[in-house]
Protein backbone atom coordinates (compact mmCIF):
# COMPACT_ATOMS: atom_id res chain seq x y z
CA MET A 1 -13.68 -18.53 -2.58
CA GLU A 2 -12.71 -20.22 0.70
CA SER A 3 -9.68 -22.38 1.41
CA THR A 4 -10.22 -25.65 3.25
CA LEU A 5 -6.60 -25.75 4.44
CA ARG A 6 -5.13 -24.46 7.67
CA ARG A 7 -1.77 -23.97 6.00
CA THR A 8 -0.57 -20.39 5.72
CA TRP A 9 -2.88 -17.39 5.94
CA ALA A 10 -3.04 -13.64 6.50
CA GLU A 11 -5.29 -12.11 9.14
CA VAL A 12 -6.63 -8.62 8.44
CA ASP A 13 -7.84 -6.78 11.54
CA LEU A 14 -10.64 -4.47 10.43
CA ASP A 15 -10.90 -2.99 13.93
CA ALA A 16 -7.27 -1.89 13.64
CA LEU A 17 -8.00 -0.37 10.24
CA GLU A 18 -10.94 1.54 11.68
CA ASN A 19 -8.82 2.75 14.60
CA ASN A 20 -6.14 3.97 12.22
CA TYR A 21 -8.65 5.75 10.02
CA ARG A 22 -10.27 7.55 12.94
CA ARG A 23 -6.95 8.61 14.45
CA ILE A 24 -5.68 9.98 11.13
CA ARG A 25 -9.01 11.73 10.59
CA LYS A 26 -8.70 13.43 13.97
CA HIS A 27 -5.10 14.40 13.17
CA ILE A 28 -5.88 16.04 9.82
CA GLY A 29 -9.00 17.89 10.99
CA GLU A 30 -12.60 17.85 9.87
CA ASN A 31 -12.15 20.17 6.87
CA VAL A 32 -9.58 17.98 5.11
CA LYS A 33 -10.73 15.15 2.87
CA PHE A 34 -9.37 11.61 3.26
CA LEU A 35 -8.19 9.59 0.28
CA GLY A 36 -7.50 5.93 1.05
CA VAL A 37 -4.75 4.41 -1.10
CA VAL A 38 -5.92 0.89 -1.99
CA LYS A 39 -3.74 0.08 -5.01
CA ALA A 40 -2.06 -3.34 -5.24
CA ASP A 41 -5.05 -4.98 -3.55
CA ALA A 42 -4.76 -2.46 -0.70
CA TYR A 43 -1.09 -3.39 -0.32
CA GLY A 44 -2.03 -7.04 0.03
CA HIS A 45 -4.77 -6.45 2.63
CA GLY A 46 -7.71 -6.89 0.23
CA ALA A 47 -8.93 -3.87 -1.73
CA ILE A 48 -12.62 -4.75 -1.66
CA GLN A 49 -12.86 -5.29 2.08
CA VAL A 50 -10.68 -2.27 2.89
CA SER A 51 -12.53 0.01 0.47
CA LYS A 52 -15.96 -0.99 1.74
CA LEU A 53 -14.93 -0.29 5.31
CA LEU A 54 -13.42 3.09 4.37
CA GLU A 55 -16.61 3.96 2.52
CA LYS A 56 -18.69 3.03 5.56
CA LEU A 57 -16.44 5.09 7.84
CA GLY A 58 -16.82 8.22 5.70
CA ALA A 59 -13.69 8.39 3.55
CA ASP A 60 -13.92 10.79 0.61
CA TYR A 61 -11.83 9.20 -2.13
CA LEU A 62 -9.87 6.07 -3.06
CA ALA A 63 -6.75 5.71 -5.19
CA VAL A 64 -5.64 2.78 -7.33
CA SER A 65 -2.93 2.19 -9.91
CA SER A 66 -4.90 0.96 -12.93
CA ILE A 67 -8.33 0.72 -14.48
CA ASP A 68 -8.47 -2.98 -13.67
CA GLU A 69 -8.10 -2.17 -9.98
CA ALA A 70 -10.74 0.55 -10.27
CA LEU A 71 -13.21 -1.74 -12.02
CA GLU A 72 -12.72 -4.43 -9.40
CA LEU A 73 -14.04 -1.94 -6.85
CA ARG A 74 -16.87 -0.65 -9.00
CA LEU A 75 -18.05 -4.16 -9.92
CA ASN A 76 -18.11 -4.98 -6.20
CA GLU A 77 -20.38 -2.02 -5.45
CA VAL A 78 -17.84 0.45 -4.09
CA LYS A 79 -19.29 3.86 -4.90
CA LEU A 80 -16.63 6.28 -3.56
CA PRO A 81 -14.79 8.46 -6.07
CA ILE A 82 -11.75 6.57 -7.40
CA LEU A 83 -8.57 8.17 -8.73
CA ILE A 84 -6.31 6.16 -11.04
CA LEU A 85 -2.73 7.24 -10.33
CA GLY A 86 -1.17 5.36 -13.24
CA HIS A 87 -1.63 5.20 -17.01
CA THR A 88 -4.87 4.28 -18.72
CA PRO A 89 -4.90 3.71 -22.50
CA LYS A 90 -7.14 6.04 -24.49
CA GLU A 91 -9.17 3.01 -25.61
CA GLN A 92 -10.46 2.70 -22.04
CA VAL A 93 -11.82 6.25 -21.72
CA ASP A 94 -15.34 5.01 -22.38
CA ARG A 95 -15.12 2.77 -19.33
CA LEU A 96 -13.66 5.58 -17.21
CA ILE A 97 -16.66 7.73 -18.05
CA GLU A 98 -19.19 4.91 -17.74
CA PHE A 99 -18.00 3.88 -14.27
CA ASP A 100 -17.32 7.45 -13.05
CA ILE A 101 -13.58 6.93 -12.49
CA THR A 102 -11.17 9.86 -12.19
CA GLN A 103 -7.96 9.70 -14.23
CA ALA A 104 -4.58 11.31 -13.53
CA VAL A 105 -3.26 13.42 -16.41
CA THR A 106 0.53 13.53 -16.45
CA CYS A 107 1.50 15.27 -19.71
CA LYS A 108 0.20 17.01 -22.81
CA ALA A 109 0.05 13.87 -24.93
CA LYS A 110 -2.20 12.11 -22.41
CA ALA A 111 -4.42 15.16 -22.05
CA ILE A 112 -4.94 15.34 -25.80
CA GLU A 113 -5.75 11.63 -26.07
CA TYR A 114 -8.23 11.73 -23.21
CA SER A 115 -9.86 14.91 -24.51
CA GLU A 116 -10.29 13.56 -28.03
CA GLU A 117 -11.78 10.29 -26.79
CA ALA A 118 -14.15 12.04 -24.37
CA LYS A 119 -15.30 14.37 -27.16
CA ARG A 120 -15.83 11.46 -29.54
CA LEU A 121 -17.92 9.71 -26.93
CA GLY A 122 -19.90 12.82 -26.10
CA GLY A 123 -18.98 12.55 -22.45
CA THR A 124 -16.87 14.23 -19.78
CA LEU A 125 -13.87 12.63 -18.10
CA LYS A 126 -13.00 13.81 -14.61
CA VAL A 127 -9.23 14.26 -14.21
CA HIS A 128 -6.59 15.29 -11.68
CA ILE A 129 -3.51 17.01 -13.06
CA LYS A 130 -0.21 15.51 -11.85
CA VAL A 131 2.69 17.94 -11.27
CA ASP A 132 6.28 16.71 -11.08
CA THR A 133 7.84 18.89 -8.39
CA GLY A 134 10.81 16.65 -7.66
CA MET A 135 9.78 13.00 -7.69
CA SER A 136 11.14 12.79 -11.26
CA ARG A 137 8.63 10.18 -12.34
CA LEU A 138 5.26 11.26 -13.72
CA GLY A 139 3.69 14.68 -14.10
CA TYR A 140 4.05 18.04 -15.79
CA LEU A 141 7.63 19.18 -15.26
CA CYS A 142 7.52 22.63 -13.65
CA SER A 143 10.85 23.13 -11.92
CA GLY A 144 13.48 25.67 -12.93
CA ASP A 145 13.33 26.74 -16.56
CA ASN A 146 10.29 24.52 -17.11
CA PHE A 147 8.02 26.51 -14.83
CA PHE A 148 6.19 28.61 -17.39
CA THR A 149 5.96 25.90 -20.05
CA GLY A 150 4.67 23.52 -17.38
CA VAL A 151 2.07 26.04 -16.20
CA ASP A 152 0.95 26.72 -19.76
CA GLY A 153 0.65 23.00 -20.41
CA ILE A 154 -1.53 22.52 -17.36
CA VAL A 155 -3.74 25.46 -18.32
CA GLU A 156 -4.08 24.02 -21.79
CA ALA A 157 -5.14 20.62 -20.38
CA CYS A 158 -7.68 22.21 -18.05
CA ASN A 159 -9.31 24.00 -20.98
CA MET A 160 -9.52 20.96 -23.26
CA PRO A 161 -13.06 19.91 -24.18
CA GLY A 162 -14.31 16.73 -22.58
CA LEU A 163 -12.07 17.06 -19.52
CA ASP A 164 -13.22 18.19 -16.07
CA ALA A 165 -10.06 19.14 -14.19
CA GLU A 166 -11.38 18.56 -10.68
CA GLY A 167 -8.01 18.36 -8.97
CA ILE A 168 -4.28 18.90 -9.06
CA PHE A 169 -1.66 16.95 -7.11
CA THR A 170 1.98 16.12 -6.63
CA HIS A 171 3.95 13.46 -4.80
CA PHE A 172 6.70 14.01 -2.23
CA ALA A 173 9.91 12.05 -2.71
CA VAL A 174 11.52 12.21 0.73
CA SER A 175 8.85 13.41 3.18
CA ASP A 176 9.27 10.17 5.14
CA GLU A 177 13.06 10.53 5.39
CA PRO A 178 14.76 12.23 8.38
CA GLY A 179 17.22 15.11 8.25
CA GLU A 180 17.39 18.75 7.28
CA GLU A 181 18.27 18.01 3.65
CA CYS A 182 15.10 15.96 3.15
CA GLU A 183 12.99 18.53 5.00
CA ASN A 184 14.31 21.28 2.74
CA TYR A 185 13.68 19.19 -0.36
CA THR A 186 10.08 18.53 0.68
CA LYS A 187 9.58 22.19 1.52
CA LYS A 188 10.84 23.18 -1.95
CA GLN A 189 8.49 20.68 -3.56
CA PHE A 190 5.57 22.12 -1.59
CA GLU A 191 6.49 25.71 -2.42
CA LEU A 192 6.83 24.89 -6.12
CA PHE A 193 3.49 23.08 -6.09
CA ASN A 194 1.80 26.13 -4.57
CA ASP A 195 3.48 28.44 -7.07
CA VAL A 196 2.21 26.29 -9.92
CA ILE A 197 -1.32 26.20 -8.53
CA ASN A 198 -1.43 29.97 -8.01
CA LYS A 199 -0.21 30.71 -11.51
CA VAL A 200 -2.49 28.14 -13.15
CA GLU A 201 -5.56 29.33 -11.25
CA GLU A 202 -4.71 32.92 -12.09
CA LYS A 203 -4.56 32.10 -15.80
CA LEU A 204 -7.68 29.92 -15.68
CA GLY A 205 -9.72 32.39 -13.68
CA ARG A 206 -11.01 29.56 -11.51
CA LYS A 207 -9.82 27.30 -8.72
CA PHE A 208 -9.29 23.57 -8.54
CA ARG A 209 -11.85 21.82 -6.36
CA LEU A 210 -9.23 19.48 -4.88
CA LYS A 211 -5.53 20.11 -4.24
CA HIS A 212 -3.50 17.33 -2.62
CA CYS A 213 0.10 16.39 -1.94
CA ALA A 214 0.40 14.88 1.57
CA ASN A 215 1.45 11.24 1.59
CA THR A 216 2.27 9.28 4.75
CA GLY A 217 5.44 11.22 5.59
CA ALA A 218 3.80 14.60 5.11
CA VAL A 219 0.68 13.65 7.09
CA ALA A 220 2.77 12.44 10.02
CA CYS A 221 5.63 14.95 10.06
CA TYR A 222 4.70 18.22 8.34
CA PRO A 223 2.48 21.20 9.24
CA LYS A 224 -1.24 21.14 8.53
CA GLU A 225 -0.82 23.54 5.61
CA TYR A 226 0.64 20.57 3.71
CA PHE A 227 -2.69 18.75 4.06
CA MET A 228 -4.38 21.20 1.66
CA ASP A 229 -7.81 19.90 0.58
CA MET A 230 -7.08 16.19 0.87
CA VAL A 231 -4.43 13.78 2.19
CA ARG A 232 -3.25 10.43 0.79
CA PRO A 233 -1.89 8.29 3.66
CA GLY A 234 -0.64 4.86 2.69
CA LEU A 235 1.67 3.23 5.23
CA LEU A 236 -0.06 5.11 8.04
CA LEU A 237 -3.47 3.72 7.17
CA TYR A 238 -2.24 0.15 7.51
CA GLY A 239 -0.35 0.88 10.72
CA TYR A 240 3.27 0.22 9.80
CA GLY A 241 6.45 2.19 10.34
CA GLU A 242 7.80 4.50 13.04
CA PHE A 243 5.28 7.26 12.30
CA ALA A 244 2.38 4.88 12.87
CA LYS A 245 3.69 3.92 16.30
CA LYS A 246 4.05 7.54 17.32
CA MET A 247 0.45 8.24 16.29
CA GLY A 248 -0.95 5.23 18.15
CA LEU A 249 -1.82 3.33 14.98
CA GLU A 250 -2.01 -0.47 14.85
CA PRO A 251 -0.69 -3.00 12.32
CA VAL A 252 -3.61 -4.32 10.28
CA MET A 253 -2.13 -7.55 8.89
CA SER A 254 -0.68 -10.62 10.57
CA PHE A 255 0.97 -13.35 8.46
CA LYS A 256 0.69 -16.81 10.02
CA THR A 257 1.37 -20.47 9.39
CA THR A 258 1.48 -23.77 11.27
CA ILE A 259 3.98 -26.54 11.92
CA SER A 260 3.26 -29.41 9.55
CA THR A 261 6.13 -31.78 10.44
CA ILE A 262 8.71 -32.13 13.20
CA LYS A 263 12.09 -33.84 12.68
CA VAL A 264 14.93 -34.43 15.15
CA TYR A 265 18.42 -34.25 13.64
CA PRO A 266 21.85 -35.12 15.10
CA LYS A 267 24.73 -32.69 15.44
CA GLY A 268 26.30 -31.77 12.10
CA THR A 269 23.15 -32.11 9.95
CA ALA A 270 22.85 -29.63 7.07
CA ILE A 271 19.41 -28.05 6.88
CA SER A 272 17.80 -27.13 3.52
CA TYR A 273 19.34 -26.10 0.19
CA GLY A 274 23.03 -25.28 0.14
CA GLY A 275 23.62 -26.43 3.70
CA ILE A 276 24.17 -22.88 4.98
CA PHE A 277 23.11 -24.01 8.46
CA LYS A 278 24.39 -27.11 10.26
CA THR A 279 23.06 -28.26 13.61
CA GLU A 280 25.47 -27.78 16.50
CA LYS A 281 23.72 -30.35 18.69
CA THR A 282 20.73 -32.67 18.53
CA THR A 283 18.12 -30.31 17.14
CA ARG A 284 14.33 -30.40 16.93
CA ILE A 285 13.27 -28.79 13.64
CA GLY A 286 9.75 -27.65 12.78
CA VAL A 287 8.85 -27.65 9.08
CA LEU A 288 6.45 -24.85 8.13
CA PRO A 289 4.31 -24.91 4.95
CA CYS A 290 5.34 -21.37 4.06
CA GLY A 291 7.99 -20.21 1.63
CA TYR A 292 8.91 -17.48 -0.78
CA ALA A 293 6.00 -18.43 -3.07
CA ASP A 294 3.72 -17.37 -0.21
CA GLY A 295 5.55 -14.10 0.38
CA PHE A 296 8.19 -15.10 2.94
CA PHE A 297 11.31 -13.65 1.34
CA ARG A 298 14.24 -15.99 0.60
CA SER A 299 16.57 -13.13 1.52
CA LEU A 300 15.51 -13.62 5.15
CA SER A 301 17.01 -17.12 5.21
CA ASN A 302 18.83 -17.94 8.44
CA LYS A 303 18.51 -14.31 9.60
CA CYS A 304 15.15 -13.99 11.36
CA SER A 305 13.00 -15.51 14.07
CA LEU A 306 9.32 -16.40 13.93
CA VAL A 307 7.07 -16.39 16.97
CA THR A 308 5.54 -19.49 18.53
CA LYS A 309 3.43 -19.82 21.68
CA GLU A 310 6.71 -20.32 23.59
CA GLY A 311 8.36 -17.27 22.03
CA PRO A 312 10.75 -16.59 19.14
CA ALA A 313 12.11 -19.55 17.18
CA LYS A 314 15.08 -19.03 14.87
CA GLN A 315 14.55 -19.74 11.21
CA ARG A 316 17.16 -22.24 10.00
CA GLY A 317 18.59 -22.85 6.53
CA LYS A 318 17.41 -21.42 3.24
CA ILE A 319 13.75 -20.58 2.84
CA CYS A 320 12.30 -22.81 0.11
CA MET A 321 9.52 -22.08 -2.37
CA ASP A 322 6.84 -23.78 -0.27
CA MET A 323 8.48 -24.46 3.08
CA CYS A 324 10.91 -23.23 5.70
CA MET A 325 12.34 -24.58 8.93
CA ILE A 326 12.55 -23.29 12.49
CA ASP A 327 14.49 -24.46 15.53
CA ILE A 328 12.10 -25.60 18.31
CA THR A 329 14.62 -27.63 20.32
CA ASP A 330 13.82 -25.92 23.61
CA MET A 331 10.08 -25.58 22.99
CA PRO A 332 8.50 -28.88 24.09
CA SER A 333 4.89 -27.68 23.88
CA VAL A 334 5.29 -26.49 20.28
CA ASP A 335 4.03 -29.42 18.21
CA VAL A 336 2.53 -30.34 14.85
CA GLY A 337 -0.37 -27.96 14.21
CA SER A 338 0.99 -25.22 16.48
CA GLU A 339 0.47 -21.70 15.12
CA VAL A 340 3.50 -19.62 14.12
CA GLU A 341 3.46 -15.88 13.45
CA ILE A 342 5.72 -14.79 10.60
CA TYR A 343 4.91 -11.15 11.27
CA GLY A 344 2.20 -9.33 13.15
CA ARG A 345 1.67 -7.94 16.64
CA LYS A 346 4.18 -10.29 18.28
CA ASN A 347 6.78 -10.18 15.50
CA PRO A 348 6.81 -6.66 14.01
CA ILE A 349 6.92 -6.50 10.23
CA GLU A 350 9.37 -3.60 10.51
CA ASP A 351 12.00 -5.97 11.97
CA LEU A 352 11.69 -8.40 9.06
CA ALA A 353 11.69 -5.55 6.55
CA GLU A 354 14.92 -4.21 8.00
CA LEU A 355 16.56 -7.64 7.80
CA ALA A 356 15.40 -7.97 4.19
CA GLN A 357 16.64 -4.42 3.45
CA THR A 358 13.23 -3.33 2.23
CA ILE A 359 10.05 -1.64 3.47
CA PRO A 360 6.95 -3.17 5.11
CA TYR A 361 4.90 -2.48 1.96
CA GLU A 362 6.98 -4.90 -0.07
CA LEU A 363 6.31 -7.68 2.43
CA THR A 364 2.54 -7.14 2.57
CA CYS A 365 2.30 -6.79 -1.21
CA ALA A 366 4.26 -10.02 -1.64
CA VAL A 367 1.67 -12.17 0.16
CA SER A 368 0.63 -14.36 -2.76
CA LYS A 369 -2.78 -15.26 -4.15
CA ARG A 370 -2.62 -18.77 -2.71
CA VAL A 371 -2.60 -17.32 0.81
CA PRO A 372 -6.17 -16.80 2.04
CA ARG A 373 -7.01 -13.51 3.76
CA ALA A 374 -9.13 -13.89 6.88
CA TYR A 375 -10.99 -10.73 7.97
CA PHE A 376 -11.62 -10.12 11.65
CA LYS A 377 -14.07 -7.80 13.40
CA ASN A 378 -14.49 -7.75 17.20
CA HIS A 379 -11.96 -10.59 17.39
CA LYS A 380 -14.17 -12.85 15.26
CA GLU A 381 -13.56 -13.98 11.69
CA ILE A 382 -16.29 -12.46 9.53
CA ASP A 383 -15.04 -13.34 6.05
CA ARG A 384 -12.31 -15.23 4.22
CA GLU A 385 -11.03 -14.68 0.70
CA LEU A 386 -8.84 -16.81 -1.55
CA MET A 387 -7.60 -15.46 -4.87
CA LEU A 388 -6.97 -18.86 -6.50
CA ARG A 389 -9.41 -19.87 -9.26
CA ILE A 390 -10.71 -23.33 -8.33
């Protein structure tokens, strides 16, 4: 639904998303498939809008974390193949088959459950086998002494009735980190993944239709051989981080608010909870209707600046649940109703992420459901979405 308030909102630039997609496509080459990662509501950007645009542009696959996320896309008429990267209970296999959703298989127990359910239903479940090559999270463990047992387990899963093992994949742990040690670690992961694939395909007597491992770091920094059949860019697609800048990609989201109230305080006034900031002179303070419940991290309190039409304004005092304050003493034209950019093209999200000791993803994912997303095409708002149930 639509919000009637001009309070705090996120702007999603679909032209920037299209630019990023086309540039990444050109980089990977025409023979490599493109999987768009749209889990967590497309990292806060809006999974339905992002997925529909990627589908229109010619993407080959989408990835989500759960069946709920996958069904949201299917029920909104997204027809691209969808891979669920996380766990799905066996009781949901009927819905996976009904809605043509691909499921990751991460171990023998899951393979058995999915196979038995698919058999019972008289259907076939499309799966991608996950290999743990060094992320130490999910997947068939195949490193060191576990190589042959891991290979045999994957072969067993691929031969189970009711399962169509379309693909096999792994996830790099440090491909986005600099330094020789991280490069060597990623190279070892890639080599192990290839060794597993070769041995499994040899034993099966057939090849996987899709092999994929390249996340953002690998797409941006590693040779094309790492792209295999398909790539899975995340951060790159949305235009954040140092790799995106080097590739000419653009940030897709801007997080904005307005000034709702202006107060003038004398020297020595404590601002907000805890009084961590006290005015050093007569100070003009703008109160913004944006706080940590909207996705503006409390950890950024008194550390960052937000951007007004007259330039950066320092954030003062602790960020509250619903509000925060900025110093606009020397900004006479900034008044009630003036727009303020929390992050976006004028105030890079990377700077705020560094101050918060986190990554841009966490900031975009934190934009809450009460913040409407406004979608722009050709510099015009074409749609607006609010997650609140009213």
